[in-house]
Amino acid sequence: PQGDPSSTYPEVMACGVPIAGYDNEALEGIIAHSQAGWA
């Protein structure tokens, strides 16, 4: 529910796993750069 820049985001992506989650500012930012998730 908050925008900490969790290392989990790029780490799961490295394994071919996209992300669906809440629209915190960190997730929205990495989705904008990767196009690999849904907020």
Full PDB file with SEQRES, HELIX, SHEET, SSBOND, CRYST1, ORIGX, SCALE, CONECT and MASTER records, all heavy atoms in Angstrom:
SEQRES   1 A   39  PRO GLN GLY ASP PRO SER SER THR TYR PRO GLU VAL MET          
SEQRES   2 A   39  ALA CYS GLY VAL PRO ILE ALA GLY TYR ASP ASN GLU ALA          
SEQRES   3 A   39  LEU GLU GLY ILE ILE ALA HIS SER GLN ALA GLY TRP ALA          
HELIX    1 AA1 THR A    8  MET A   13  1                                   6    
HELIX    2 AA2 GLU A   25  SER A   34  1                                  10    
SHEET    1 AA1 2 ILE A  19  ALA A  20  0                                        
SHEET    2 AA1 2 GLY A  37  TRP A  38  1                                        
CRYST1    1.000    1.000    1.000  90.00  90.00  90.00 P 1           1          
ORIGX1      1.000000  0.000000  0.000000        0.00000                         
ORIGX2      0.000000  1.000000  0.000000        0.00000                         
ORIGX3      0.000000  0.000000  1.000000        0.00000                         
SCALE1      1.000000  0.000000  0.000000        0.00000                         
SCALE2      0.000000  1.000000  0.000000        0.00000                         
SCALE3      0.000000  0.000000  1.000000        0.00000                         
ATOM      1  N   PRO A   1       0.807  -1.225   0.000  1.00  0.00           N  
ATOM      2  CA  PRO A   1       0.000   0.000   0.000  1.00  0.00           C  
ATOM      3  C   PRO A   1       0.839   1.274   0.000  1.00  0.00           C  
ATOM      4  O   PRO A   1       0.299   2.364   0.179  1.00  0.00           O  
ATOM      5  CB  PRO A   1      -0.792  -0.124   1.312  1.00  0.00           C  
ATOM      6  CG  PRO A   1       0.133  -0.849   2.222  1.00  0.00           C  
ATOM      7  CD  PRO A   1       0.889  -1.820   1.354  1.00  0.00           C  
ATOM      8  N   GLN A   2       2.136   1.138  -0.175  1.00  0.00           N  
ATOM      9  CA  GLN A   2       3.045   2.290  -0.149  1.00  0.00           C  
ATOM     10  C   GLN A   2       4.149   2.077  -1.173  1.00  0.00           C  
ATOM     11  O   GLN A   2       4.334   0.975  -1.684  1.00  0.00           O  
ATOM     12  CB  GLN A   2       3.617   2.480   1.253  1.00  0.00           C  
ATOM     13  CG  GLN A   2       4.078   1.214   1.953  1.00  0.00           C  
ATOM     14  CD  GLN A   2       5.287   0.559   1.339  1.00  0.00           C  
ATOM     15  OE1 GLN A   2       6.230   1.255   0.985  1.00  0.00           O  
ATOM     16  NE2 GLN A   2       5.280  -0.737   1.198  1.00  0.00           N  
ATOM     17  N   GLY A   3       4.862   3.157  -1.470  1.00  0.00           N  
ATOM     18  CA  GLY A   3       5.762   3.127  -2.614  1.00  0.00           C  
ATOM     19  C   GLY A   3       7.223   2.884  -2.310  1.00  0.00           C  
ATOM     20  O   GLY A   3       8.082   3.535  -2.914  1.00  0.00           O  
ATOM     21  N   ASP A   4       7.539   1.961  -1.403  1.00  0.00           N  
ATOM     22  CA  ASP A   4       8.960   1.665  -1.220  1.00  0.00           C  
ATOM     23  C   ASP A   4       9.479   0.962  -2.475  1.00  0.00           C  
ATOM     24  O   ASP A   4       8.788   0.124  -3.060  1.00  0.00           O  
ATOM     25  CB  ASP A   4       9.196   0.802   0.029  1.00  0.00           C  
ATOM     26  CG  ASP A   4       8.821  -0.648  -0.168  1.00  0.00           C  
ATOM     27  OD1 ASP A   4       7.631  -0.915  -0.416  1.00  0.00           O  
ATOM     28  OD2 ASP A   4       9.702  -1.518  -0.082  1.00  0.00           O  
ATOM     29  N   PRO A   5      10.690   1.292  -2.910  1.00  0.00           N  
ATOM     30  CA  PRO A   5      11.206   0.743  -4.175  1.00  0.00           C  
ATOM     31  C   PRO A   5      11.726  -0.673  -3.979  1.00  0.00           C  
ATOM     32  O   PRO A   5      12.915  -0.953  -4.087  1.00  0.00           O  
ATOM     33  CB  PRO A   5      12.335   1.714  -4.536  1.00  0.00           C  
ATOM     34  CG  PRO A   5      12.835   2.165  -3.201  1.00  0.00           C  
ATOM     35  CD  PRO A   5      11.635   2.237  -2.295  1.00  0.00           C  
ATOM     36  N   SER A   6      10.839  -1.581  -3.695  1.00  0.00           N  
ATOM     37  CA  SER A   6      11.216  -2.950  -3.344  1.00  0.00           C  
ATOM     38  C   SER A   6      12.073  -3.591  -4.429  1.00  0.00           C  
ATOM     39  O   SER A   6      11.751  -3.527  -5.618  1.00  0.00           O  
ATOM     40  CB  SER A   6       9.956  -3.787  -3.120  1.00  0.00           C  
ATOM     41  OG  SER A   6      10.277  -5.129  -2.867  1.00  0.00           O  
ATOM     42  N   SER A   7      13.161  -4.224  -4.002  1.00  0.00           N  
ATOM     43  CA  SER A   7      13.984  -4.965  -4.964  1.00  0.00           C  
ATOM     44  C   SER A   7      13.219  -6.145  -5.538  1.00  0.00           C  
ATOM     45  O   SER A   7      13.614  -6.703  -6.570  1.00  0.00           O  
ATOM     46  CB  SER A   7      15.272  -5.447  -4.300  1.00  0.00           C  
ATOM     47  OG  SER A   7      14.995  -6.318  -3.220  1.00  0.00           O  
ATOM     48  N   THR A   8      12.120  -6.522  -4.877  1.00  0.00           N  
ATOM     49  CA  THR A   8      11.289  -7.617  -5.382  1.00  0.00           C  
ATOM     50  C   THR A   8      10.833  -7.356  -6.814  1.00  0.00           C  
ATOM     51  O   THR A   8      10.740  -8.285  -7.619  1.00  0.00           O  
ATOM     52  CB  THR A   8      10.066  -7.822  -4.472  1.00  0.00           C  
ATOM     53  OG1 THR A   8      10.520  -8.219  -3.179  1.00  0.00           O  
ATOM     54  CG2 THR A   8       9.137  -8.885  -5.026  1.00  0.00           C  
ATOM     55  N   TYR A   9      10.553  -6.109  -7.145  1.00  0.00           N  
ATOM     56  CA  TYR A   9      10.018  -5.811  -8.474  1.00  0.00           C  
ATOM     57  C   TYR A   9      10.943  -6.287  -9.596  1.00  0.00           C  
ATOM     58  O   TYR A   9      10.553  -7.121 -10.419  1.00  0.00           O  
ATOM     59  CB  TYR A   9       9.732  -4.310  -8.620  1.00  0.00           C  
ATOM     60  CG  TYR A   9       8.713  -3.748  -7.653  1.00  0.00           C  
ATOM     61  CD1 TYR A   9       8.813  -2.443  -7.204  1.00  0.00           C  
ATOM     62  CD2 TYR A   9       7.639  -4.506  -7.195  1.00  0.00           C  
ATOM     63  CE1 TYR A   9       7.871  -1.900  -6.321  1.00  0.00           C  
ATOM     64  CE2 TYR A   9       6.706  -3.975  -6.317  1.00  0.00           C  
ATOM     65  CZ  TYR A   9       6.829  -2.673  -5.879  1.00  0.00           C  
ATOM     66  OH  TYR A   9       5.907  -2.143  -5.016  1.00  0.00           O  
ATOM     67  N   PRO A  10      12.180  -5.774  -9.692  1.00  0.00           N  
ATOM     68  CA  PRO A  10      13.052  -6.258 -10.769  1.00  0.00           C  
ATOM     69  C   PRO A  10      13.495  -7.703 -10.580  1.00  0.00           C  
ATOM     70  O   PRO A  10      13.794  -8.398 -11.560  1.00  0.00           O  
ATOM     71  CB  PRO A  10      14.242  -5.301 -10.733  1.00  0.00           C  
ATOM     72  CG  PRO A  10      14.250  -4.746  -9.367  1.00  0.00           C  
ATOM     73  CD  PRO A  10      12.819  -4.673  -8.936  1.00  0.00           C  
ATOM     74  N   GLU A  11      13.521  -8.183  -9.334  1.00  0.00           N  
ATOM     75  CA  GLU A  11      13.977  -9.554  -9.100  1.00  0.00           C  
ATOM     76  C   GLU A  11      12.985 -10.576  -9.640  1.00  0.00           C  
ATOM     77  O   GLU A  11      13.383 -11.567 -10.270  1.00  0.00           O  
ATOM     78  CB  GLU A  11      14.228  -9.762  -7.603  1.00  0.00           C  
ATOM     79  CG  GLU A  11      15.487  -9.048  -7.133  1.00  0.00           C  
ATOM     80  CD  GLU A  11      15.608  -8.922  -5.632  1.00  0.00           C  
ATOM     81  OE1 GLU A  11      14.675  -9.344  -4.912  1.00  0.00           O  
ATOM     82  OE2 GLU A  11      16.633  -8.388  -5.166  1.00  0.00           O  
ATOM     83  N   VAL A  12      11.701 -10.357  -9.430  1.00  0.00           N  
ATOM     84  CA  VAL A  12      10.740 -11.311  -9.991  1.00  0.00           C  
ATOM     85  C   VAL A  12      10.674 -11.172 -11.506  1.00  0.00           C  
ATOM     86  O   VAL A  12      10.497 -12.163 -12.228  1.00  0.00           O  
ATOM     87  CB  VAL A  12       9.341 -11.167  -9.347  1.00  0.00           C  
ATOM     88  CG1 VAL A  12       9.405 -11.399  -7.856  1.00  0.00           C  
ATOM     89  CG2 VAL A  12       8.681  -9.841  -9.659  1.00  0.00           C  
ATOM     90  N   MET A  13      10.839  -9.952 -11.998  1.00  0.00           N  
ATOM     91  CA  MET A  13      10.853  -9.757 -13.442  1.00  0.00           C  
ATOM     92  C   MET A  13      12.020 -10.496 -14.086  1.00  0.00           C  
ATOM     93  O   MET A  13      11.901 -11.012 -15.207  1.00  0.00           O  
ATOM     94  CB  MET A  13      10.919  -8.267 -13.774  1.00  0.00           C  
ATOM     95  CG  MET A  13       9.645  -7.504 -13.480  1.00  0.00           C  
ATOM     96  SD  MET A  13       9.775  -5.750 -13.950  1.00  0.00           S  
ATOM     97  CE  MET A  13       8.143  -5.162 -13.496  1.00  0.00           C  
ATOM     98  N   ALA A  14      13.155 -10.568 -13.377  1.00  0.00           N  
ATOM     99  CA  ALA A  14      14.310 -11.298 -13.906  1.00  0.00           C  
ATOM    100  C   ALA A  14      14.002 -12.767 -14.122  1.00  0.00           C  
ATOM    101  O   ALA A  14      14.684 -13.446 -14.900  1.00  0.00           O  
ATOM    102  CB  ALA A  14      15.492 -11.151 -12.952  1.00  0.00           C  
ATOM    103  N   CYS A  15      12.984 -13.268 -13.463  1.00  0.00           N  
ATOM    104  CA  CYS A  15      12.586 -14.676 -13.587  1.00  0.00           C  
ATOM    105  C   CYS A  15      11.426 -14.857 -14.563  1.00  0.00           C  
ATOM    106  O   CYS A  15      10.812 -15.934 -14.618  1.00  0.00           O  
ATOM    107  CB  CYS A  15      12.213 -15.224 -12.217  1.00  0.00           C  
ATOM    108  SG  CYS A  15      13.546 -15.106 -11.007  1.00  0.00           S  
ATOM    109  N   GLY A  16      11.121 -13.811 -15.314  1.00  0.00           N  
ATOM    110  CA  GLY A  16      10.023 -13.900 -16.279  1.00  0.00           C  
ATOM    111  C   GLY A  16       8.665 -13.836 -15.632  1.00  0.00           C  
ATOM    112  O   GLY A  16       7.707 -14.430 -16.140  1.00  0.00           O  
ATOM    113  N   VAL A  17       8.558 -13.102 -14.531  1.00  0.00           N  
ATOM    114  CA  VAL A  17       7.296 -12.983 -13.806  1.00  0.00           C  
ATOM    115  C   VAL A  17       6.867 -11.521 -13.782  1.00  0.00           C  
ATOM    116  O   VAL A  17       7.500 -10.697 -13.123  1.00  0.00           O  
ATOM    117  CB  VAL A  17       7.428 -13.515 -12.366  1.00  0.00           C  
ATOM    118  CG1 VAL A  17       6.079 -13.430 -11.650  1.00  0.00           C  
ATOM    119  CG2 VAL A  17       7.946 -14.952 -12.359  1.00  0.00           C  
ATOM    120  N   PRO A  18       5.794 -11.166 -14.487  1.00  0.00           N  
ATOM    121  CA  PRO A  18       5.268  -9.805 -14.396  1.00  0.00           C  
ATOM    122  C   PRO A  18       4.515  -9.608 -13.075  1.00  0.00           C  
ATOM    123  O   PRO A  18       4.344 -10.554 -12.300  1.00  0.00           O  
ATOM    124  CB  PRO A  18       4.336  -9.702 -15.601  1.00  0.00           C  
ATOM    125  CG  PRO A  18       3.918 -11.105 -15.873  1.00  0.00           C  
ATOM    126  CD  PRO A  18       5.056 -11.994 -15.447  1.00  0.00           C  
ATOM    127  N   ILE A  19       4.055  -8.388 -12.827  1.00  0.00           N  
ATOM    128  CA  ILE A  19       3.490  -8.026 -11.529  1.00  0.00           C  
ATOM    129  C   ILE A  19       2.117  -7.389 -11.707  1.00  0.00           C  
ATOM    130  O   ILE A  19       1.930  -6.527 -12.569  1.00  0.00           O  
ATOM    131  CB  ILE A  19       4.409  -7.040 -10.794  1.00  0.00           C  
ATOM    132  CG1 ILE A  19       5.806  -7.637 -10.613  1.00  0.00           C  
ATOM    133  CG2 ILE A  19       3.822  -6.639  -9.443  1.00  0.00           C  
ATOM    134  CD1 ILE A  19       6.838  -6.629 -10.125  1.00  0.00           C  
ATOM    135  N   ALA A  20       1.188  -7.781 -10.853  1.00  0.00           N  
ATOM    136  CA  ALA A  20      -0.093  -7.084 -10.721  1.00  0.00           C  
ATOM    137  C   ALA A  20      -0.213  -6.643  -9.277  1.00  0.00           C  
ATOM    138  O   ALA A  20      -0.038  -7.455  -8.361  1.00  0.00           O  
ATOM    139  CB  ALA A  20      -1.257  -7.993 -11.099  1.00  0.00           C  
ATOM    140  N   GLY A  21      -0.487  -5.367  -9.060  1.00  0.00           N  
ATOM    141  CA  GLY A  21      -0.534  -4.905  -7.683  1.00  0.00           C  
ATOM    142  C   GLY A  21      -1.114  -3.517  -7.557  1.00  0.00           C  
ATOM    143  O   GLY A  21      -1.583  -2.920  -8.525  1.00  0.00           O  
ATOM    144  N   TYR A  22      -1.043  -3.009  -6.339  1.00  0.00           N  
ATOM    145  CA  TYR A  22      -1.579  -1.686  -6.042  1.00  0.00           C  
ATOM    146  C   TYR A  22      -0.736  -0.590  -6.690  1.00  0.00           C  
ATOM    147  O   TYR A  22       0.480  -0.744  -6.872  1.00  0.00           O  
ATOM    148  CB  TYR A  22      -1.603  -1.459  -4.536  1.00  0.00           C  
ATOM    149  CG  TYR A  22      -2.586  -2.327  -3.781  1.00  0.00           C  
ATOM    150  CD1 TYR A  22      -2.390  -2.605  -2.437  1.00  0.00           C  
ATOM    151  CD2 TYR A  22      -3.721  -2.858  -4.401  1.00  0.00           C  
ATOM    152  CE1 TYR A  22      -3.292  -3.379  -1.718  1.00  0.00           C  
ATOM    153  CE2 TYR A  22      -4.623  -3.640  -3.699  1.00  0.00           C  
ATOM    154  CZ  TYR A  22      -4.403  -3.902  -2.351  1.00  0.00           C  
ATOM    155  OH  TYR A  22      -5.288  -4.668  -1.649  1.00  0.00           O  
ATOM    156  N   ASP A  23      -1.386   0.527  -6.989  1.00  0.00           N  
ATOM    157  CA  ASP A  23      -0.746   1.594  -7.756  1.00  0.00           C  
ATOM    158  C   ASP A  23       0.107   2.513  -6.881  1.00  0.00           C  
ATOM    159  O   ASP A  23      -0.008   3.743  -6.960  1.00  0.00           O  
ATOM    160  CB  ASP A  23      -1.779   2.402  -8.528  1.00  0.00           C  
ATOM    161  CG  ASP A  23      -2.814   3.070  -7.614  1.00  0.00           C  
ATOM    162  OD1 ASP A  23      -2.840   2.756  -6.393  1.00  0.00           O  
ATOM    163  OD2 ASP A  23      -3.600   3.892  -8.114  1.00  0.00           O  
ATOM    164  N   ASN A  24       0.972   1.929  -6.061  1.00  0.00           N  
ATOM    165  CA  ASN A  24       1.909   2.777  -5.339  1.00  0.00           C  
ATOM    166  C   ASN A  24       2.902   3.388  -6.332  1.00  0.00           C  
ATOM    167  O   ASN A  24       3.071   2.885  -7.445  1.00  0.00           O  
ATOM    168  CB  ASN A  24       2.622   2.000  -4.222  1.00  0.00           C  
ATOM    169  CG  ASN A  24       3.546   0.926  -4.753  1.00  0.00           C  
ATOM    170  OD1 ASN A  24       4.575   1.211  -5.372  1.00  0.00           O  
ATOM    171  ND2 ASN A  24       3.202  -0.335  -4.514  1.00  0.00           N  
ATOM    172  N   GLU A  25       3.562   4.462  -5.927  1.00  0.00           N  
ATOM    173  CA  GLU A  25       4.373   5.214  -6.875  1.00  0.00           C  
ATOM    174  C   GLU A  25       5.593   4.438  -7.378  1.00  0.00           C  
ATOM    175  O   GLU A  25       6.040   4.642  -8.508  1.00  0.00           O  
ATOM    176  CB  GLU A  25       4.806   6.551  -6.265  1.00  0.00           C  
ATOM    177  CG  GLU A  25       5.509   6.451  -4.921  1.00  0.00           C  
ATOM    178  CD  GLU A  25       5.826   7.827  -4.335  1.00  0.00           C  
ATOM    179  OE1 GLU A  25       5.685   8.828  -5.050  1.00  0.00           O  
ATOM    180  OE2 GLU A  25       6.227   7.881  -3.154  1.00  0.00           O  
ATOM    181  N   ALA A  26       6.113   3.513  -6.580  1.00  0.00           N  
ATOM    182  CA  ALA A  26       7.263   2.731  -7.034  1.00  0.00           C  
ATOM    183  C   ALA A  26       6.856   1.712  -8.089  1.00  0.00           C  
ATOM    184  O   ALA A  26       7.541   1.546  -9.104  1.00  0.00           O  
ATOM    185  CB  ALA A  26       7.918   2.031  -5.849  1.00  0.00           C  
ATOM    186  N   LEU A  27       5.747   1.012  -7.844  1.00  0.00           N  
ATOM    187  CA  LEU A  27       5.291   0.032  -8.827  1.00  0.00           C  
ATOM    188  C   LEU A  27       4.886   0.720 -10.124  1.00  0.00           C  
ATOM    189  O   LEU A  27       5.209   0.244 -11.220  1.00  0.00           O  
ATOM    190  CB  LEU A  27       4.133  -0.792  -8.276  1.00  0.00           C  
ATOM    191  CG  LEU A  27       3.597  -1.869  -9.227  1.00  0.00           C  
ATOM    192  CD1 LEU A  27       4.687  -2.849  -9.628  1.00  0.00           C  
ATOM    193  CD2 LEU A  27       2.421  -2.622  -8.599  1.00  0.00           C  
ATOM    194  N   GLU A  28       4.186   1.843 -10.020  1.00  0.00           N  
ATOM    195  CA  GLU A  28       3.805   2.565 -11.234  1.00  0.00           C  
ATOM    196  C   GLU A  28       5.045   2.991 -12.020  1.00  0.00           C  
ATOM    197  O   GLU A  28       5.057   2.933 -13.256  1.00  0.00           O  
ATOM    198  CB  GLU A  28       2.973   3.794 -10.867  1.00  0.00           C  
ATOM    199  CG  GLU A  28       1.542   3.469 -10.485  1.00  0.00           C  
ATOM    200  CD  GLU A  28       0.667   4.706 -10.443  1.00  0.00           C  
ATOM    201  OE1 GLU A  28       1.086   5.707  -9.835  1.00  0.00           O  
ATOM    202  OE2 GLU A  28      -0.437   4.680 -11.016  1.00  0.00           O  
ATOM    203  N   GLY A  29       6.096   3.399 -11.310  1.00  0.00           N  
ATOM    204  CA  GLY A  29       7.311   3.829 -11.987  1.00  0.00           C  
ATOM    205  C   GLY A  29       7.994   2.707 -12.734  1.00  0.00           C  
ATOM    206  O   GLY A  29       8.394   2.877 -13.888  1.00  0.00           O  
ATOM    207  N   ILE A  30       8.113   1.549 -12.105  1.00  0.00           N  
ATOM    208  CA  ILE A  30       8.818   0.451 -12.771  1.00  0.00           C  
ATOM    209  C   ILE A  30       7.963  -0.142 -13.890  1.00  0.00           C  
ATOM    210  O   ILE A  30       8.498  -0.600 -14.908  1.00  0.00           O  
ATOM    211  CB  ILE A  30       9.258  -0.626 -11.758  1.00  0.00           C  
ATOM    212  CG1 ILE A  30      10.368  -1.488 -12.376  1.00  0.00           C  
ATOM    213  CG2 ILE A  30       8.099  -1.480 -11.273  1.00  0.00           C  
ATOM    214  CD1 ILE A  30      11.080  -2.376 -11.377  1.00  0.00           C  
ATOM    215  N   ILE A  31       6.649  -0.092 -13.748  1.00  0.00           N  
ATOM    216  CA  ILE A  31       5.785  -0.536 -14.841  1.00  0.00           C  
ATOM    217  C   ILE A  31       5.948   0.390 -16.044  1.00  0.00           C  
ATOM    218  O   ILE A  31       5.993  -0.065 -17.200  1.00  0.00           O  
ATOM    219  CB  ILE A  31       4.314  -0.602 -14.386  1.00  0.00           C  
ATOM    220  CG1 ILE A  31       4.099  -1.787 -13.443  1.00  0.00           C  
ATOM    221  CG2 ILE A  31       3.376  -0.723 -15.589  1.00  0.00           C  
ATOM    222  CD1 ILE A  31       2.701  -1.854 -12.841  1.00  0.00           C  
ATOM    223  N   ALA A  32       6.064   1.686 -15.794  1.00  0.00           N  
ATOM    224  CA  ALA A  32       6.242   2.636 -16.894  1.00  0.00           C  
ATOM    225  C   ALA A  32       7.531   2.358 -17.659  1.00  0.00           C  
ATOM    226  O   ALA A  32       7.584   2.506 -18.879  1.00  0.00           O  
ATOM    227  CB  ALA A  32       6.245   4.063 -16.351  1.00  0.00           C  
ATOM    228  N   HIS A  33       8.576   1.914 -16.943  1.00  0.00           N  
ATOM    229  CA  HIS A  33       9.859   1.632 -17.593  1.00  0.00           C  
ATOM    230  C   HIS A  33       9.888   0.255 -18.246  1.00  0.00           C  
ATOM    231  O   HIS A  33      10.577   0.067 -19.255  1.00  0.00           O  
ATOM    232  CB  HIS A  33      10.993   1.733 -16.574  1.00  0.00           C  
ATOM    233  CG  HIS A  33      11.422   3.137 -16.284  1.00  0.00           C  
ATOM    234  ND1 HIS A  33      12.544   3.713 -16.825  1.00  0.00           N  
ATOM    235  CD2 HIS A  33      10.857   4.088 -15.510  1.00  0.00           C  
ATOM    236  CE1 HIS A  33      12.659   4.958 -16.399  1.00  0.00           C  
ATOM    237  NE2 HIS A  33      11.657   5.216 -15.591  1.00  0.00           N  
ATOM    238  N   SER A  34       9.171  -0.707 -17.682  1.00  0.00           N  
ATOM    239  CA  SER A  34       9.274  -2.094 -18.150  1.00  0.00           C  
ATOM    240  C   SER A  34       8.108  -2.547 -19.012  1.00  0.00           C  
ATOM    241  O   SER A  34       8.247  -3.494 -19.790  1.00  0.00           O  
ATOM    242  CB  SER A  34       9.377  -3.035 -16.947  1.00  0.00           C  
ATOM    243  OG  SER A  34       8.149  -3.028 -16.213  1.00  0.00           O  
ATOM    244  N   GLN A  35       6.940  -1.909 -18.843  1.00  0.00           N  
ATOM    245  CA  GLN A  35       5.710  -2.373 -19.501  1.00  0.00           C  
ATOM    246  C   GLN A  35       5.429  -3.835 -19.145  1.00  0.00           C  
ATOM    247  O   GLN A  35       4.978  -4.612 -19.974  1.00  0.00           O  
ATOM    248  CB  GLN A  35       5.816  -2.194 -21.023  1.00  0.00           C  
ATOM    249  CG  GLN A  35       6.024  -0.754 -21.466  1.00  0.00           C  
ATOM    250  CD  GLN A  35       4.882   0.148 -21.047  1.00  0.00           C  
ATOM    251  OE1 GLN A  35       3.720  -0.106 -21.365  1.00  0.00           O  
ATOM    252  NE2 GLN A  35       5.187   1.211 -20.314  1.00  0.00           N  
ATOM    253  N   ALA A  36       5.709  -4.192 -17.891  1.00  0.00           N  
ATOM    254  CA  ALA A  36       5.590  -5.596 -17.473  1.00  0.00           C  
ATOM    255  C   ALA A  36       4.756  -5.728 -16.207  1.00  0.00           C  
ATOM    256  O   ALA A  36       5.092  -6.485 -15.302  1.00  0.00           O  
ATOM    257  CB  ALA A  36       6.978  -6.197 -17.247  1.00  0.00           C  
ATOM    258  N   GLY A  37       3.658  -4.982 -16.151  1.00  0.00           N  
ATOM    259  CA  GLY A  37       2.807  -5.104 -14.975  1.00  0.00           C  
ATOM    260  C   GLY A  37       1.521  -4.325 -15.122  1.00  0.00           C  
ATOM    261  O   GLY A  37       1.291  -3.643 -16.130  1.00  0.00           O  
ATOM    262  N   TRP A  38       0.696  -4.438 -14.086  1.00  0.00           N  
ATOM    263  CA  TRP A  38      -0.615  -3.802 -14.068  1.00  0.00           C  
ATOM    264  C   TRP A  38      -0.842  -3.243 -12.676  1.00  0.00           C  
ATOM    265  O   TRP A  38      -0.680  -3.958 -11.678  1.00  0.00           O  
ATOM    266  CB  TRP A  38      -1.707  -4.810 -14.414  1.00  0.00           C  
ATOM    267  CG  TRP A  38      -1.495  -5.464 -15.743  1.00  0.00           C  
ATOM    268  CD1 TRP A  38      -2.027  -5.091 -16.944  1.00  0.00           C  
ATOM    269  CD2 TRP A  38      -0.684  -6.619 -16.014  1.00  0.00           C  
ATOM    270  NE1 TRP A  38      -1.588  -5.926 -17.941  1.00  0.00           N  
ATOM    271  CE2 TRP A  38      -0.775  -6.877 -17.402  1.00  0.00           C  
ATOM    272  CE3 TRP A  38       0.107  -7.449 -15.223  1.00  0.00           C  
ATOM    273  CZ2 TRP A  38      -0.098  -7.931 -18.007  1.00  0.00           C  
ATOM    274  CZ3 TRP A  38       0.786  -8.501 -15.823  1.00  0.00           C  
ATOM    275  CH2 TRP A  38       0.673  -8.735 -17.194  1.00  0.00           C  
ATOM    276  N   ALA A  39      -1.210  -1.958 -12.591  1.00  0.00           N  
ATOM    277  CA  ALA A  39      -1.434  -1.310 -11.305  1.00  0.00           C  
ATOM    278  C   ALA A  39      -2.908  -0.968 -11.146  1.00  0.00           C  
ATOM    279  O   ALA A  39      -3.550  -0.467 -12.082  1.00  0.00           O  
ATOM    280  CB  ALA A  39      -0.585  -0.048 -11.193  1.00  0.00           C  
TER     281      ALA A  39                                                      
MASTER        0    0    0    2    2    0    0    6  280    1    0    3          
END                                                                             
